[in-house]
Amino acid sequence: MMAYAVDKEERPEVQLFRQAAEKVSAVVVQVATCDQAMAYAVDLCARKEACQLLMAGCESPLSPAADQLCGNKQQKVMAAPGLDESSRAALAGLCEENGIVLTGRPLRDHLAGIDIGVTWADFGIAETGTLVIASNSEELRLATMISEIHVAVLPVSRIRHSAEDLEAELRARMASAPNYLAFITGASRTADIERVLAIGVHGPLELHIVLLGDA
């Protein structure tokens, strides 16, 4: 795994954000450049197992050809909707070097799932370790929901102490309709009636937050 240095002199709100996010199982790293953020996402994808296409009937006696199909895993796939042109170009080059597909197809076409979804976070709320992402695009919403791992890049300059500190900025964004703002705190989790916690049922199994820039 690649090493990423963390500034020990983080601003108080950055420290608070890191602590709060890690309490809800998010992985938080800090990088200096966007290229390093893209490299982190690709390194993460290269180390994980590919999403597996689960096919009905594989438990039954099958022909050799069908049995082989049941055992196949698809090529690793990353999605990065909403990235600017230069960031996407850097990510595409790294994906090609590592045999990873950076998809340009609609995410609804990927029935077997997305390994890594890379998005840009608009704001962070330090008190709760929450990401705020303007998600008017369906592609962006899907990238944060159907990926096994969600990697969110958050500039440290966009971290605010509390939700109240974001009021004016959020009001400005909500002035035009339609509008969809997602508040994401940790990986997806739920609990059944017996209060057994399950991770990743309704969304990603892991959330990685890449803090971008000097603290």
Protein backbone atom coordinates (compact mmCIF):
# COMPACT_ATOMS: atom_id res chain seq x y z
CA MET A 1 0.00 0.00 0.00
CA MET A 2 1.23 3.47 -0.80
CA ALA A 3 2.22 5.69 2.13
CA TYR A 4 0.58 9.07 2.63
CA ALA A 5 1.91 11.64 5.06
CA VAL A 6 -0.41 13.31 7.54
CA ASP A 7 0.23 16.84 8.74
CA LYS A 8 0.53 16.72 12.55
CA GLU A 9 -0.36 20.40 12.73
CA GLU A 10 -3.90 20.02 11.43
CA ARG A 11 -6.33 22.82 12.10
CA PRO A 12 -8.73 22.04 14.98
CA GLU A 13 -11.73 21.54 12.65
CA VAL A 14 -9.71 19.15 10.48
CA GLN A 15 -8.67 17.13 13.54
CA LEU A 16 -12.27 17.06 14.74
CA PHE A 17 -13.51 15.95 11.31
CA ARG A 18 -10.95 13.14 11.17
CA GLN A 19 -11.83 11.91 14.66
CA ALA A 20 -15.57 12.02 14.05
CA ALA A 21 -15.32 10.28 10.66
CA GLU A 22 -13.11 7.52 12.01
CA LYS A 23 -15.59 6.87 14.84
CA VAL A 24 -18.18 5.86 12.21
CA SER A 25 -15.69 3.54 10.44
CA ALA A 26 -14.54 5.91 7.68
CA VAL A 27 -10.90 5.65 6.61
CA VAL A 28 -9.33 9.13 6.50
CA VAL A 29 -6.06 9.92 4.74
CA GLN A 30 -4.45 13.20 3.73
CA VAL A 31 -2.64 14.03 0.50
CA ALA A 32 -1.07 17.14 -0.93
CA THR A 33 -2.21 16.93 -4.56
CA CYS A 34 -5.10 15.71 -6.66
CA ASP A 35 -2.77 13.28 -8.45
CA GLN A 36 -2.00 11.66 -5.10
CA ALA A 37 -5.72 11.38 -4.39
CA MET A 38 -6.27 9.57 -7.70
CA ALA A 39 -3.29 7.30 -7.01
CA TYR A 40 -4.78 6.38 -3.63
CA ALA A 41 -8.07 5.35 -5.23
CA VAL A 42 -6.35 3.22 -7.88
CA ASP A 43 -4.07 1.59 -5.29
CA LEU A 44 -7.15 0.72 -3.23
CA CYS A 45 -8.86 -0.81 -6.25
CA ALA A 46 -5.78 -2.79 -7.25
CA ARG A 47 -5.63 -4.42 -3.80
CA LYS A 48 -9.30 -5.45 -3.52
CA GLU A 49 -11.02 -8.45 -5.09
CA ALA A 50 -13.18 -7.65 -8.09
CA CYS A 51 -16.94 -7.51 -7.66
CA GLN A 52 -18.41 -10.90 -8.53
CA LEU A 53 -21.40 -11.40 -10.81
CA LEU A 54 -23.66 -13.76 -8.87
CA MET A 55 -25.60 -15.96 -11.26
CA ALA A 56 -28.67 -18.07 -10.51
CA GLY A 57 -28.34 -21.84 -10.83
CA CYS A 58 -24.65 -22.12 -10.04
CA GLU A 59 -25.43 -24.50 -7.19
CA SER A 60 -26.84 -27.06 -9.71
CA PRO A 61 -24.94 -29.62 -11.84
CA LEU A 62 -23.72 -27.71 -14.89
CA SER A 63 -21.82 -28.22 -18.11
CA PRO A 64 -18.09 -27.39 -17.97
CA ALA A 65 -18.67 -24.14 -19.89
CA ALA A 66 -21.46 -23.00 -17.58
CA ASP A 67 -19.52 -24.00 -14.48
CA GLN A 68 -16.58 -21.89 -15.64
CA LEU A 69 -18.88 -18.91 -16.19
CA CYS A 70 -20.16 -19.20 -12.61
CA GLY A 71 -16.60 -18.94 -11.32
CA ASN A 72 -15.65 -15.92 -13.37
CA LYS A 73 -15.15 -12.50 -11.86
CA GLN A 74 -15.51 -9.40 -13.92
CA GLN A 75 -12.67 -6.98 -14.54
CA LYS A 76 -12.29 -4.36 -11.84
CA VAL A 77 -14.33 -1.26 -12.57
CA MET A 78 -14.04 2.29 -11.27
CA ALA A 79 -16.49 5.14 -11.74
CA ALA A 80 -15.64 8.81 -11.35
CA PRO A 81 -18.56 11.01 -12.41
CA GLY A 82 -18.15 14.73 -11.92
CA LEU A 83 -14.36 14.86 -11.93
CA ASP A 84 -12.78 17.71 -13.88
CA GLU A 85 -11.03 16.87 -17.14
CA SER A 86 -7.46 16.89 -15.79
CA SER A 87 -8.30 14.75 -12.75
CA ARG A 88 -10.17 12.24 -14.88
CA ALA A 89 -7.28 12.06 -17.35
CA ALA A 90 -4.84 11.34 -14.53
CA LEU A 91 -7.16 8.69 -13.12
CA ALA A 92 -7.66 7.09 -16.54
CA GLY A 93 -3.91 6.76 -17.06
CA LEU A 94 -3.42 5.08 -13.68
CA CYS A 95 -6.36 2.75 -14.30
CA GLU A 96 -4.92 1.67 -17.65
CA GLU A 97 -1.54 0.94 -16.05
CA ASN A 98 -3.22 -1.30 -13.46
CA GLY A 99 -5.68 -3.13 -15.73
CA ILE A 100 -8.69 -1.37 -14.25
CA VAL A 101 -11.65 -0.15 -16.30
CA LEU A 102 -12.60 3.50 -15.73
CA THR A 103 -16.13 3.28 -17.00
CA GLY A 104 -17.78 5.88 -19.15
CA ARG A 105 -20.98 3.85 -19.49
CA PRO A 106 -24.15 4.62 -17.51
CA LEU A 107 -23.73 3.09 -14.07
CA ARG A 108 -27.10 1.36 -14.37
CA ASP A 109 -25.41 -0.91 -16.93
CA HIS A 110 -23.04 -2.33 -14.32
CA LEU A 111 -25.26 -5.02 -12.79
CA ALA A 112 -22.33 -6.72 -11.08
CA GLY A 113 -21.48 -3.54 -9.21
CA ILE A 114 -18.72 -0.96 -9.18
CA ASP A 115 -15.52 -1.67 -7.28
CA ILE A 116 -14.59 1.94 -6.52
CA GLY A 117 -16.66 5.08 -6.90
CA VAL A 118 -14.62 8.30 -6.79
CA THR A 119 -16.43 11.56 -6.07
CA TRP A 120 -15.59 15.09 -5.06
CA ALA A 121 -17.15 16.26 -1.78
CA ASP A 122 -18.48 19.81 -1.63
CA PHE A 123 -18.21 20.25 2.13
CA GLY A 124 -17.32 18.43 5.33
CA ILE A 125 -18.96 18.87 8.73
CA ALA A 126 -16.37 18.43 11.46
CA GLU A 127 -18.71 17.75 14.40
CA THR A 128 -20.12 14.60 12.83
CA GLY A 129 -17.51 13.65 10.20
CA THR A 130 -20.18 14.14 7.54
CA LEU A 131 -19.65 14.71 3.82
CA VAL A 132 -21.98 16.99 1.88
CA ILE A 133 -22.18 16.19 -1.83
CA ALA A 134 -24.31 18.02 -4.40
CA SER A 135 -25.81 15.01 -6.17
CA ASN A 136 -28.17 16.37 -8.82
CA SER A 137 -26.62 13.94 -11.32
CA GLU A 138 -27.97 10.38 -11.15
CA GLU A 139 -24.51 9.12 -12.09
CA LEU A 140 -23.05 10.83 -9.04
CA ARG A 141 -25.77 9.43 -6.78
CA LEU A 142 -25.19 5.91 -8.10
CA ALA A 143 -21.42 6.19 -7.65
CA THR A 144 -21.96 6.88 -3.94
CA MET A 145 -24.54 4.11 -3.58
CA ILE A 146 -23.69 1.03 -5.67
CA SER A 147 -19.90 1.05 -5.36
CA GLU A 148 -18.37 -1.46 -2.96
CA ILE A 149 -15.97 1.27 -1.83
CA HIS A 150 -16.67 5.01 -1.99
CA VAL A 151 -13.62 7.29 -2.18
CA ALA A 152 -14.53 10.92 -1.52
CA VAL A 153 -11.98 13.68 -2.08
CA LEU A 154 -12.52 16.59 0.32
CA PRO A 155 -10.44 19.80 0.19
CA VAL A 156 -9.61 20.74 3.78
CA SER A 157 -10.62 24.33 2.99
CA ARG A 158 -14.20 23.02 2.62
CA ILE A 159 -14.45 21.68 6.17
CA ARG A 160 -16.77 23.61 8.47
CA HIS A 161 -17.15 23.12 12.20
CA SER A 162 -20.90 22.51 12.26
CA ALA A 163 -23.94 22.22 10.00
CA GLU A 164 -25.01 25.67 11.15
CA ASP A 165 -21.78 27.10 9.73
CA LEU A 166 -22.89 25.81 6.30
CA GLU A 167 -26.31 27.43 6.34
CA ALA A 168 -25.60 30.31 3.96
CA GLU A 169 -23.71 28.12 1.48
CA LEU A 170 -26.38 25.43 1.49
CA ARG A 171 -29.18 27.97 1.06
CA ALA A 172 -27.40 29.35 -1.99
CA ARG A 173 -27.12 25.87 -3.51
CA MET A 174 -30.75 25.06 -2.76
CA ALA A 175 -32.05 28.23 -4.39
CA SER A 176 -32.40 26.52 -7.76
CA ALA A 177 -34.54 23.44 -8.37
CA PRO A 178 -34.32 20.52 -8.76
CA ASN A 179 -31.73 20.09 -6.05
CA TYR A 180 -30.30 17.01 -4.34
CA LEU A 181 -27.83 17.33 -1.49
CA ALA A 182 -26.51 14.12 0.07
CA PHE A 183 -25.23 14.02 3.65
CA ILE A 184 -22.97 10.96 4.06
CA THR A 185 -21.65 9.87 7.44
CA GLY A 186 -19.55 6.70 7.39
CA ALA A 187 -20.17 3.54 5.41
CA SER A 188 -23.70 2.30 4.77
CA ARG A 189 -25.15 0.56 7.82
CA THR A 190 -28.44 -0.77 9.08
CA ALA A 191 -29.76 -3.00 11.85
CA ASP A 192 -32.62 -5.49 11.90
CA ILE A 193 -35.30 -5.81 14.57
CA GLU A 194 -32.83 -7.74 16.73
CA ARG A 195 -30.40 -4.82 16.45
CA VAL A 196 -27.76 -6.79 14.58
CA LEU A 197 -25.58 -4.28 12.72
CA ALA A 198 -24.96 -4.92 9.03
CA ILE A 199 -22.53 -2.90 6.90
CA GLY A 200 -23.00 -2.25 3.19
CA VAL A 201 -26.58 -3.45 2.80
CA HIS A 202 -27.87 -0.20 1.31
CA GLY A 203 -24.62 1.27 0.03
CA PRO A 204 -20.81 0.99 0.09
CA LEU A 205 -19.02 -1.41 2.40
CA GLU A 206 -16.29 1.17 3.01
CA LEU A 207 -15.97 4.94 2.91
CA HIS A 208 -12.51 6.42 2.34
CA ILE A 209 -12.16 10.17 2.76
CA VAL A 210 -9.12 11.72 1.10
CA LEU A 211 -8.37 15.11 2.62
CA LEU A 212 -6.77 17.28 -0.03
CA GLY A 213 -4.40 20.12 0.71
CA ASP A 214 -2.49 21.48 3.68
CA ALA A 215 -4.34 21.56 6.98
